[in-house]
N, C-alpha and C. Protein backbone atom coordinates (compact mmCIF):
# COMPACT_ATOMS: atom_id res chain seq x y z
N UNK A 1 -100.21 57.26 -38.59
CA UNK A 1 -99.40 58.42 -38.43
C UNK A 1 -100.30 59.56 -37.97
N UNK A 2 -99.86 60.22 -36.88
CA UNK A 2 -100.61 61.35 -36.38
C UNK A 2 -99.92 62.63 -36.80
N UNK A 3 -100.69 63.59 -37.15
CA UNK A 3 -100.17 64.91 -37.50
C UNK A 3 -100.68 65.87 -36.43
N UNK A 4 -99.72 66.60 -35.86
CA UNK A 4 -100.07 67.59 -34.84
C UNK A 4 -100.10 68.95 -35.48
N UNK A 5 -101.09 69.68 -35.18
CA UNK A 5 -101.21 71.05 -35.66
C UNK A 5 -100.98 71.97 -34.47
N UNK A 6 -99.94 72.82 -34.57
CA UNK A 6 -99.61 73.74 -33.49
C UNK A 6 -99.84 75.15 -33.98
N UNK A 7 -100.58 75.91 -33.22
CA UNK A 7 -100.86 77.29 -33.61
C UNK A 7 -99.62 78.15 -33.40
N UNK A 8 -99.58 79.30 -34.05
CA UNK A 8 -98.45 80.22 -33.93
C UNK A 8 -98.31 80.68 -32.49
N UNK A 9 -99.45 80.88 -31.80
CA UNK A 9 -99.42 81.32 -30.41
C UNK A 9 -98.76 80.25 -29.53
N UNK A 10 -99.14 79.00 -29.72
CA UNK A 10 -98.57 77.91 -28.94
C UNK A 10 -97.08 77.74 -29.25
N UNK A 11 -96.71 77.91 -30.51
CA UNK A 11 -95.31 77.83 -30.90
C UNK A 11 -94.49 78.94 -30.23
N UNK A 12 -95.06 80.12 -30.15
CA UNK A 12 -94.39 81.24 -29.47
C UNK A 12 -94.21 80.96 -27.99
N UNK A 13 -95.21 80.40 -27.35
CA UNK A 13 -95.13 80.07 -25.93
C UNK A 13 -94.06 79.00 -25.70
N UNK A 14 -94.02 77.98 -26.56
CA UNK A 14 -93.00 76.94 -26.45
C UNK A 14 -91.59 77.53 -26.64
N UNK A 15 -91.46 78.45 -27.58
CA UNK A 15 -90.16 79.09 -27.83
C UNK A 15 -89.71 79.90 -26.62
N UNK A 16 -90.62 80.64 -26.01
CA UNK A 16 -90.28 81.42 -24.81
C UNK A 16 -89.89 80.50 -23.66
N UNK A 17 -90.61 79.41 -23.51
CA UNK A 17 -90.30 78.46 -22.44
C UNK A 17 -88.91 77.85 -22.67
N UNK A 18 -88.60 77.52 -23.91
CA UNK A 18 -87.29 76.96 -24.22
C UNK A 18 -86.18 77.99 -23.94
N UNK A 19 -86.40 79.24 -24.32
CA UNK A 19 -85.43 80.30 -24.07
C UNK A 19 -85.22 80.50 -22.57
N UNK A 20 -86.31 80.47 -21.79
CA UNK A 20 -86.21 80.61 -20.34
C UNK A 20 -85.42 79.45 -19.74
N UNK A 21 -85.66 78.22 -20.24
CA UNK A 21 -84.94 77.06 -19.73
C UNK A 21 -83.44 77.20 -20.01
N UNK A 22 -83.07 77.68 -21.19
CA UNK A 22 -81.66 77.87 -21.54
C UNK A 22 -81.04 78.93 -20.64
N UNK A 23 -81.77 80.03 -20.39
CA UNK A 23 -81.24 81.09 -19.51
C UNK A 23 -81.03 80.57 -18.10
N UNK A 24 -82.00 79.81 -17.56
CA UNK A 24 -81.83 79.25 -16.21
C UNK A 24 -80.66 78.27 -16.17
N UNK A 25 -80.50 77.50 -17.20
CA UNK A 25 -79.38 76.57 -17.27
C UNK A 25 -78.05 77.33 -17.27
N UNK A 26 -77.95 78.40 -18.07
CA UNK A 26 -76.71 79.18 -18.16
C UNK A 26 -76.39 79.87 -16.84
N UNK A 27 -77.40 80.39 -16.15
CA UNK A 27 -77.18 81.08 -14.88
C UNK A 27 -76.77 80.09 -13.80
N UNK A 28 -77.24 78.87 -13.89
CA UNK A 28 -76.99 77.87 -12.86
C UNK A 28 -75.72 77.06 -13.12
N UNK A 29 -74.88 77.52 -14.07
CA UNK A 29 -73.64 76.81 -14.38
C UNK A 29 -72.69 76.86 -13.19
N UNK A 30 -71.72 75.98 -13.10
CA UNK A 30 -70.76 76.01 -11.99
C UNK A 30 -70.02 77.34 -11.91
N UNK A 31 -69.64 77.72 -10.71
CA UNK A 31 -68.96 78.99 -10.47
C UNK A 31 -67.63 79.07 -11.21
N UNK A 32 -66.97 77.95 -11.43
CA UNK A 32 -65.68 77.96 -12.12
C UNK A 32 -65.81 78.51 -13.53
N UNK A 33 -66.91 78.22 -14.20
CA UNK A 33 -67.12 78.73 -15.55
C UNK A 33 -67.29 80.24 -15.49
N UNK A 34 -68.06 80.73 -14.53
CA UNK A 34 -68.27 82.17 -14.39
C UNK A 34 -66.97 82.86 -14.00
N UNK A 35 -66.19 82.27 -13.12
CA UNK A 35 -64.95 82.89 -12.66
C UNK A 35 -63.95 83.01 -13.80
N UNK A 36 -63.93 82.04 -14.70
CA UNK A 36 -63.00 82.08 -15.82
C UNK A 36 -63.29 83.24 -16.74
N UNK A 37 -64.53 83.66 -16.82
CA UNK A 37 -64.91 84.75 -17.70
C UNK A 37 -64.84 86.11 -16.99
N UNK A 38 -64.53 86.13 -15.70
CA UNK A 38 -64.49 87.37 -14.93
C UNK A 38 -63.24 88.15 -15.27
N UNK A 39 -63.39 89.44 -15.52
CA UNK A 39 -62.27 90.31 -15.88
C UNK A 39 -61.44 90.64 -14.65
N UNK A 40 -60.12 90.62 -14.79
CA UNK A 40 -59.22 90.99 -13.71
C UNK A 40 -59.09 92.51 -13.66
N UNK A 41 -59.08 93.04 -12.46
CA UNK A 41 -59.01 94.48 -12.29
C UNK A 41 -57.87 94.87 -11.37
N UNK A 42 -57.30 96.05 -11.59
CA UNK A 42 -56.29 96.56 -10.66
C UNK A 42 -56.98 97.10 -9.41
N UNK A 43 -56.20 97.52 -8.44
CA UNK A 43 -56.76 98.13 -7.23
C UNK A 43 -57.10 99.58 -7.55
N UNK A 44 -58.34 99.95 -7.34
CA UNK A 44 -58.79 101.32 -7.53
C UNK A 44 -58.88 102.07 -6.21
N UNK A 45 -59.29 101.39 -5.17
CA UNK A 45 -59.40 102.00 -3.85
C UNK A 45 -59.34 100.90 -2.80
N UNK A 46 -59.08 101.31 -1.57
CA UNK A 46 -58.99 100.37 -0.46
C UNK A 46 -59.94 100.85 0.62
N UNK A 47 -60.80 99.95 1.08
CA UNK A 47 -61.75 100.29 2.15
C UNK A 47 -60.99 100.52 3.45
N UNK A 48 -61.28 101.61 4.12
CA UNK A 48 -60.65 101.94 5.39
C UNK A 48 -61.72 102.43 6.36
N UNK A 49 -61.51 102.24 7.65
CA UNK A 49 -62.43 102.76 8.66
C UNK A 49 -62.28 104.28 8.79
N UNK A 50 -61.04 104.76 8.67
CA UNK A 50 -60.79 106.19 8.79
C UNK A 50 -61.01 106.88 7.45
N UNK A 51 -61.29 108.18 7.50
CA UNK A 51 -61.36 108.97 6.27
C UNK A 51 -59.94 109.25 5.83
N UNK A 52 -59.57 108.77 4.66
CA UNK A 52 -58.21 108.93 4.16
C UNK A 52 -58.24 109.16 2.66
N UNK A 53 -57.18 109.73 2.19
CA UNK A 53 -56.98 109.88 0.76
C UNK A 53 -55.53 109.50 0.46
N UNK A 54 -55.32 108.89 -0.67
CA UNK A 54 -53.98 108.53 -1.08
C UNK A 54 -53.58 109.46 -2.22
N UNK A 55 -52.43 110.09 -2.07
CA UNK A 55 -51.94 111.02 -3.08
C UNK A 55 -50.83 110.34 -3.87
N UNK A 56 -50.94 110.40 -5.18
CA UNK A 56 -49.90 109.78 -6.00
C UNK A 56 -49.60 110.65 -7.21
N UNK A 57 -48.40 110.46 -7.72
CA UNK A 57 -47.92 111.21 -8.88
C UNK A 57 -47.23 110.25 -9.82
N UNK A 58 -47.30 110.55 -11.11
CA UNK A 58 -46.54 109.81 -12.10
C UNK A 58 -45.33 110.65 -12.49
N UNK A 59 -44.18 110.05 -12.54
CA UNK A 59 -42.96 110.74 -12.94
C UNK A 59 -42.41 110.05 -14.19
N UNK A 60 -42.59 110.72 -15.32
CA UNK A 60 -42.16 110.12 -16.56
C UNK A 60 -41.41 111.09 -17.46
N UNK A 61 -41.53 112.38 -17.22
CA UNK A 61 -40.88 113.36 -18.08
C UNK A 61 -39.92 114.21 -17.24
N UNK A 62 -39.97 115.48 -17.26
CA UNK A 62 -39.02 116.34 -16.56
C UNK A 62 -39.07 116.22 -15.05
N UNK A 63 -38.04 116.82 -14.40
CA UNK A 63 -37.97 116.80 -12.93
C UNK A 63 -37.88 118.21 -12.36
N UNK A 64 -38.25 119.22 -13.16
CA UNK A 64 -38.10 120.62 -12.77
C UNK A 64 -38.81 120.95 -11.46
N UNK A 65 -39.93 120.31 -11.18
CA UNK A 65 -40.74 120.65 -10.01
C UNK A 65 -40.57 119.67 -8.85
N UNK A 66 -39.67 118.72 -8.97
CA UNK A 66 -39.57 117.67 -7.96
C UNK A 66 -39.22 118.24 -6.58
N UNK A 67 -38.20 119.07 -6.49
CA UNK A 67 -37.80 119.62 -5.18
C UNK A 67 -38.90 120.48 -4.58
N UNK A 68 -39.55 121.30 -5.41
CA UNK A 68 -40.64 122.14 -4.91
C UNK A 68 -41.79 121.27 -4.41
N UNK A 69 -42.09 120.22 -5.13
CA UNK A 69 -43.16 119.31 -4.71
C UNK A 69 -42.81 118.62 -3.39
N UNK A 70 -41.58 118.19 -3.24
CA UNK A 70 -41.13 117.58 -1.98
C UNK A 70 -41.29 118.59 -0.85
N UNK A 71 -40.92 119.85 -1.09
CA UNK A 71 -41.04 120.89 -0.06
C UNK A 71 -42.49 121.15 0.32
N UNK A 72 -43.37 121.24 -0.66
CA UNK A 72 -44.79 121.50 -0.39
C UNK A 72 -45.38 120.34 0.41
N UNK A 73 -45.12 119.12 -0.02
CA UNK A 73 -45.64 117.95 0.71
C UNK A 73 -45.08 117.92 2.13
N UNK A 74 -43.81 118.26 2.29
CA UNK A 74 -43.19 118.29 3.61
C UNK A 74 -43.80 119.35 4.51
N UNK A 75 -44.13 120.50 3.95
CA UNK A 75 -44.75 121.58 4.73
C UNK A 75 -46.05 121.11 5.38
N UNK A 76 -46.80 120.29 4.66
CA UNK A 76 -48.10 119.81 5.16
C UNK A 76 -48.02 118.39 5.73
N UNK A 77 -46.80 117.89 5.87
CA UNK A 77 -46.59 116.55 6.41
C UNK A 77 -47.40 115.48 5.65
N UNK A 78 -47.38 115.58 4.34
CA UNK A 78 -48.10 114.66 3.46
C UNK A 78 -47.10 113.71 2.81
N UNK A 79 -47.38 112.43 2.89
CA UNK A 79 -46.58 111.43 2.20
C UNK A 79 -47.35 110.97 0.97
N UNK A 80 -46.65 110.78 -0.12
CA UNK A 80 -47.28 110.41 -1.38
C UNK A 80 -46.56 109.21 -1.98
N UNK A 81 -47.19 108.64 -2.99
CA UNK A 81 -46.58 107.57 -3.77
C UNK A 81 -46.24 108.14 -5.13
N UNK A 82 -45.00 107.97 -5.54
CA UNK A 82 -44.54 108.43 -6.85
C UNK A 82 -44.30 107.20 -7.72
N UNK A 83 -45.07 107.11 -8.80
CA UNK A 83 -44.90 106.02 -9.76
C UNK A 83 -43.94 106.53 -10.83
N UNK A 84 -42.73 105.99 -10.84
CA UNK A 84 -41.70 106.50 -11.74
C UNK A 84 -41.39 105.52 -12.87
N UNK A 85 -41.11 106.08 -14.01
CA UNK A 85 -40.70 105.31 -15.18
C UNK A 85 -39.20 105.02 -15.04
N UNK A 86 -38.79 103.83 -15.42
CA UNK A 86 -37.38 103.45 -15.31
C UNK A 86 -36.45 104.40 -16.03
N UNK A 87 -36.84 104.85 -17.24
CA UNK A 87 -36.01 105.81 -17.97
C UNK A 87 -35.85 107.11 -17.17
N UNK A 88 -36.90 107.53 -16.46
CA UNK A 88 -36.86 108.75 -15.63
C UNK A 88 -35.92 108.52 -14.45
N UNK A 89 -36.03 107.36 -13.84
CA UNK A 89 -35.16 107.04 -12.70
C UNK A 89 -33.70 107.03 -13.14
N UNK A 90 -33.44 106.52 -14.31
CA UNK A 90 -32.07 106.48 -14.84
C UNK A 90 -31.55 107.88 -15.14
N UNK A 91 -32.43 108.74 -15.65
CA UNK A 91 -32.05 110.10 -16.02
C UNK A 91 -31.93 111.03 -14.81
N UNK A 92 -32.80 110.78 -13.78
CA UNK A 92 -32.84 111.66 -12.61
C UNK A 92 -32.70 110.85 -11.31
N UNK A 93 -31.62 110.10 -11.13
CA UNK A 93 -31.49 109.28 -9.92
C UNK A 93 -31.50 110.13 -8.64
N UNK A 94 -30.99 111.36 -8.72
CA UNK A 94 -30.99 112.23 -7.55
C UNK A 94 -32.41 112.59 -7.11
N UNK A 95 -33.33 112.70 -8.07
CA UNK A 95 -34.74 112.98 -7.75
C UNK A 95 -35.39 111.76 -7.11
N UNK A 96 -35.09 110.58 -7.63
CA UNK A 96 -35.64 109.35 -7.05
C UNK A 96 -35.16 109.22 -5.61
N UNK A 97 -33.87 109.46 -5.39
CA UNK A 97 -33.30 109.37 -4.04
C UNK A 97 -33.92 110.42 -3.12
N UNK A 98 -34.12 111.64 -3.62
CA UNK A 98 -34.71 112.70 -2.81
C UNK A 98 -36.14 112.36 -2.41
N UNK A 99 -36.91 111.79 -3.33
CA UNK A 99 -38.29 111.37 -3.01
C UNK A 99 -38.27 110.32 -1.91
N UNK A 100 -37.42 109.33 -2.07
CA UNK A 100 -37.32 108.25 -1.09
C UNK A 100 -36.84 108.79 0.26
N UNK A 101 -35.82 109.61 0.24
CA UNK A 101 -35.26 110.16 1.48
C UNK A 101 -36.26 111.05 2.22
N UNK A 102 -37.20 111.66 1.47
CA UNK A 102 -38.24 112.50 2.09
C UNK A 102 -39.38 111.65 2.66
N UNK A 103 -39.27 110.33 2.52
CA UNK A 103 -40.28 109.43 3.11
C UNK A 103 -41.42 109.06 2.19
N UNK A 104 -41.30 109.39 0.92
CA UNK A 104 -42.34 109.03 -0.04
C UNK A 104 -42.07 107.64 -0.61
N UNK A 105 -43.14 106.97 -1.03
CA UNK A 105 -42.98 105.68 -1.70
C UNK A 105 -42.58 105.94 -3.14
N UNK A 106 -41.64 105.16 -3.63
CA UNK A 106 -41.25 105.22 -5.04
C UNK A 106 -41.59 103.87 -5.64
N UNK A 107 -42.55 103.90 -6.55
CA UNK A 107 -43.05 102.66 -7.14
C UNK A 107 -42.91 102.69 -8.66
N UNK A 108 -43.33 101.65 -9.31
CA UNK A 108 -43.09 101.38 -10.72
C UNK A 108 -44.19 101.97 -11.62
N UNK A 109 -43.75 102.58 -12.73
CA UNK A 109 -44.68 103.07 -13.77
C UNK A 109 -44.22 102.56 -15.14
N UNK A 110 -43.53 101.43 -15.14
CA UNK A 110 -42.96 100.73 -16.31
C UNK A 110 -41.57 101.26 -16.60
N UNK A 111 -40.86 100.59 -17.43
CA UNK A 111 -39.48 100.98 -17.71
C UNK A 111 -39.39 102.06 -18.79
N UNK A 112 -40.24 101.96 -19.82
CA UNK A 112 -40.16 102.90 -20.95
C UNK A 112 -41.47 103.61 -21.23
N UNK A 113 -42.50 103.43 -20.41
CA UNK A 113 -43.83 104.02 -20.60
C UNK A 113 -44.48 103.51 -21.88
N UNK A 114 -44.31 102.21 -22.14
CA UNK A 114 -44.94 101.56 -23.30
C UNK A 114 -46.39 101.22 -22.98
N UNK A 115 -47.13 100.90 -24.02
CA UNK A 115 -48.49 100.38 -23.87
C UNK A 115 -48.35 98.90 -23.50
N UNK A 116 -48.46 98.57 -22.23
CA UNK A 116 -48.20 97.20 -21.77
C UNK A 116 -49.13 96.18 -22.43
N UNK A 117 -50.36 96.57 -22.74
CA UNK A 117 -51.30 95.61 -23.34
C UNK A 117 -50.86 95.18 -24.75
N UNK A 118 -49.90 95.89 -25.33
CA UNK A 118 -49.39 95.51 -26.65
C UNK A 118 -48.17 94.60 -26.56
N UNK A 119 -47.75 94.31 -25.33
CA UNK A 119 -46.59 93.45 -25.12
C UNK A 119 -47.02 92.05 -24.72
N UNK A 120 -46.14 91.08 -24.90
CA UNK A 120 -46.40 89.73 -24.43
C UNK A 120 -46.23 89.70 -22.91
N UNK A 121 -46.69 88.66 -22.26
CA UNK A 121 -46.54 88.53 -20.81
C UNK A 121 -45.06 88.55 -20.42
N UNK A 122 -44.22 87.91 -21.23
CA UNK A 122 -42.78 87.88 -20.95
C UNK A 122 -42.17 89.27 -21.09
N UNK A 123 -42.60 90.02 -22.11
CA UNK A 123 -42.09 91.38 -22.30
C UNK A 123 -42.55 92.30 -21.16
N UNK A 124 -43.78 92.11 -20.70
CA UNK A 124 -44.29 92.90 -19.57
C UNK A 124 -43.43 92.64 -18.34
N UNK A 125 -43.18 91.37 -18.04
CA UNK A 125 -42.38 91.00 -16.87
C UNK A 125 -40.97 91.59 -16.98
N UNK A 126 -40.37 91.53 -18.15
CA UNK A 126 -39.02 92.08 -18.34
C UNK A 126 -39.02 93.59 -18.15
N UNK A 127 -40.02 94.26 -18.67
CA UNK A 127 -40.12 95.72 -18.54
C UNK A 127 -40.29 96.13 -17.08
N UNK A 128 -41.21 95.47 -16.40
CA UNK A 128 -41.49 95.79 -15.00
C UNK A 128 -40.26 95.50 -14.13
N UNK A 129 -39.63 94.37 -14.34
CA UNK A 129 -38.43 94.03 -13.56
C UNK A 129 -37.28 94.99 -13.82
N UNK A 130 -37.13 95.46 -15.06
CA UNK A 130 -36.06 96.41 -15.37
C UNK A 130 -36.27 97.71 -14.59
N UNK A 131 -37.51 98.19 -14.52
CA UNK A 131 -37.81 99.39 -13.74
C UNK A 131 -37.59 99.13 -12.25
N UNK A 132 -38.07 97.99 -11.77
CA UNK A 132 -37.87 97.64 -10.35
C UNK A 132 -36.38 97.64 -9.99
N UNK A 133 -35.56 97.08 -10.88
CA UNK A 133 -34.12 97.01 -10.63
C UNK A 133 -33.52 98.40 -10.48
N UNK A 134 -33.92 99.33 -11.35
CA UNK A 134 -33.39 100.70 -11.30
C UNK A 134 -33.80 101.40 -10.00
N UNK A 135 -35.06 101.25 -9.63
CA UNK A 135 -35.55 101.90 -8.40
C UNK A 135 -34.86 101.30 -7.18
N UNK A 136 -34.75 99.97 -7.16
CA UNK A 136 -34.11 99.30 -6.02
C UNK A 136 -32.64 99.69 -5.90
N UNK A 137 -31.97 99.83 -7.02
CA UNK A 137 -30.56 100.22 -6.99
C UNK A 137 -30.39 101.60 -6.35
N UNK A 138 -31.33 102.50 -6.59
CA UNK A 138 -31.23 103.87 -6.06
C UNK A 138 -31.71 103.97 -4.62
N UNK A 139 -32.84 103.30 -4.31
CA UNK A 139 -33.48 103.48 -3.00
C UNK A 139 -33.19 102.36 -2.02
N UNK A 140 -32.80 101.19 -2.54
CA UNK A 140 -32.63 100.02 -1.67
C UNK A 140 -33.93 99.30 -1.39
N UNK A 141 -35.02 99.76 -2.00
CA UNK A 141 -36.34 99.16 -1.78
C UNK A 141 -36.91 98.73 -3.13
N UNK A 142 -37.34 97.47 -3.23
CA UNK A 142 -37.92 96.96 -4.46
C UNK A 142 -39.41 97.29 -4.48
N UNK A 143 -39.89 97.91 -5.56
CA UNK A 143 -41.32 98.26 -5.65
C UNK A 143 -42.24 97.04 -5.58
N UNK A 144 -43.38 97.25 -4.97
CA UNK A 144 -44.42 96.21 -4.88
C UNK A 144 -45.68 96.62 -5.62
N UNK A 145 -45.72 97.86 -6.09
CA UNK A 145 -46.88 98.39 -6.80
C UNK A 145 -46.45 98.91 -8.16
N UNK A 146 -47.38 98.87 -9.11
CA UNK A 146 -47.15 99.46 -10.42
C UNK A 146 -48.44 100.12 -10.90
N UNK A 147 -48.29 101.28 -11.51
CA UNK A 147 -49.41 101.92 -12.20
C UNK A 147 -49.12 101.79 -13.69
N UNK A 148 -49.90 100.98 -14.41
CA UNK A 148 -49.65 100.82 -15.84
C UNK A 148 -49.77 102.16 -16.58
N UNK A 149 -48.85 102.41 -17.52
CA UNK A 149 -48.91 103.65 -18.28
C UNK A 149 -50.25 103.83 -19.00
N UNK A 150 -50.67 105.07 -19.12
CA UNK A 150 -51.90 105.46 -19.82
C UNK A 150 -53.16 104.90 -19.14
N UNK A 151 -53.01 104.28 -17.99
CA UNK A 151 -54.16 103.67 -17.33
C UNK A 151 -54.68 102.45 -18.08
N UNK A 152 -53.87 101.91 -18.99
CA UNK A 152 -54.30 100.79 -19.82
C UNK A 152 -53.93 99.46 -19.17
N UNK A 153 -54.86 98.53 -19.23
CA UNK A 153 -54.59 97.18 -18.74
C UNK A 153 -55.61 96.24 -19.34
N UNK A 154 -55.26 94.96 -19.34
CA UNK A 154 -56.18 93.89 -19.69
C UNK A 154 -55.80 92.71 -18.81
N UNK A 155 -56.50 91.59 -18.98
CA UNK A 155 -56.23 90.43 -18.12
C UNK A 155 -54.78 89.97 -18.21
N UNK A 156 -54.18 90.04 -19.41
CA UNK A 156 -52.79 89.61 -19.58
C UNK A 156 -51.85 90.51 -18.77
N UNK A 157 -52.08 91.82 -18.82
CA UNK A 157 -51.23 92.76 -18.07
C UNK A 157 -51.36 92.51 -16.58
N UNK A 158 -52.59 92.39 -16.10
CA UNK A 158 -52.82 92.19 -14.66
C UNK A 158 -52.20 90.86 -14.21
N UNK A 159 -52.39 89.80 -14.99
CA UNK A 159 -51.81 88.49 -14.63
C UNK A 159 -50.29 88.53 -14.60
N UNK A 160 -49.69 89.19 -15.59
CA UNK A 160 -48.23 89.27 -15.64
C UNK A 160 -47.69 90.03 -14.43
N UNK A 161 -48.35 91.12 -14.07
CA UNK A 161 -47.91 91.92 -12.92
C UNK A 161 -48.07 91.12 -11.63
N UNK A 162 -49.24 90.51 -11.45
CA UNK A 162 -49.46 89.74 -10.23
C UNK A 162 -48.55 88.51 -10.17
N UNK A 163 -48.16 87.99 -11.34
CA UNK A 163 -47.23 86.88 -11.40
C UNK A 163 -45.85 87.25 -10.86
N UNK A 164 -45.56 88.55 -10.81
CA UNK A 164 -44.30 89.04 -10.26
C UNK A 164 -44.42 89.35 -8.77
N UNK A 165 -45.60 89.08 -8.21
CA UNK A 165 -45.82 89.37 -6.80
C UNK A 165 -46.13 90.84 -6.53
N UNK A 166 -46.54 91.56 -7.55
CA UNK A 166 -46.85 92.98 -7.43
C UNK A 166 -48.35 93.20 -7.58
N UNK A 167 -48.80 94.38 -7.19
CA UNK A 167 -50.20 94.75 -7.38
C UNK A 167 -50.29 95.94 -8.32
N UNK A 168 -51.17 95.85 -9.32
CA UNK A 168 -51.41 96.99 -10.21
C UNK A 168 -52.35 97.98 -9.53
N UNK A 169 -52.04 99.25 -9.65
CA UNK A 169 -52.80 100.32 -9.02
C UNK A 169 -53.38 101.21 -10.11
N UNK A 170 -54.59 101.68 -9.89
CA UNK A 170 -55.24 102.60 -10.81
C UNK A 170 -55.81 103.75 -9.99
N UNK A 171 -55.98 104.87 -10.57
CA UNK A 171 -56.57 106.00 -9.86
C UNK A 171 -58.09 105.92 -9.94
N UNK A 172 -58.79 106.51 -8.96
CA UNK A 172 -60.24 106.56 -9.06
C UNK A 172 -60.76 107.99 -9.01
N UNK A 173 -59.90 108.95 -8.75
CA UNK A 173 -60.24 110.37 -8.83
C UNK A 173 -59.04 111.05 -9.45
N UNK A 174 -59.28 111.86 -10.45
CA UNK A 174 -58.16 112.53 -11.10
C UNK A 174 -58.27 114.03 -10.85
N UNK A 175 -57.20 114.58 -10.31
CA UNK A 175 -57.16 116.02 -10.06
C UNK A 175 -56.71 116.76 -11.30
N UNK A 176 -56.68 118.07 -11.21
CA UNK A 176 -56.23 118.86 -12.35
C UNK A 176 -54.74 118.63 -12.54
N UNK A 177 -54.32 118.71 -13.77
CA UNK A 177 -52.91 118.49 -14.10
C UNK A 177 -52.35 119.73 -14.76
N UNK A 178 -51.10 119.99 -14.51
CA UNK A 178 -50.41 121.07 -15.19
C UNK A 178 -49.35 120.53 -16.13
N UNK A 179 -49.38 119.24 -16.32
CA UNK A 179 -48.36 118.58 -17.12
C UNK A 179 -48.47 119.01 -18.59
N UNK A 180 -47.34 119.07 -19.26
CA UNK A 180 -47.33 119.41 -20.69
C UNK A 180 -47.85 118.26 -21.54
N UNK A 181 -48.09 117.11 -20.94
CA UNK A 181 -48.59 115.96 -21.70
C UNK A 181 -50.03 116.17 -22.12
N UNK A 182 -50.75 117.04 -21.46
CA UNK A 182 -52.17 117.23 -21.76
C UNK A 182 -52.40 118.35 -22.70
């Protein structure tokens, strides 16, 4: 029987070599494993050749400023995207129609402004479709975009939205707000 004596220094070197081998093995794993762990993200911006900015608004509470906003945007020939909550569309259908008739996009901001990440995938789909139905009934156009309320999302929310053939949108620059929500 042979007994090997290994010094602490040699043991440390062997441990580092083993750790390096494990790291190289983990990095060299198939791409499918890495892709499964990749977080899903909404659209934050779109690369364009021209210098452009996209203007969007969330409509979830009052409509006192809607006509004035339509007039201001019209004065400067600016088209915007309005992400409206289904409850808002139901309460102010004339505002939804006015936005659409002025040439603005009217898109989805959920039906009740719930925290979508707290809902099941089925509940998310039902909520989004209910809002889409209300907007389509007023404008004749079914939304293809949604901005999740509170800017909250996770993989389940993004998957449920994309499963409906829609794209989730997020802002990447936030301007000053005069909303009473803040």
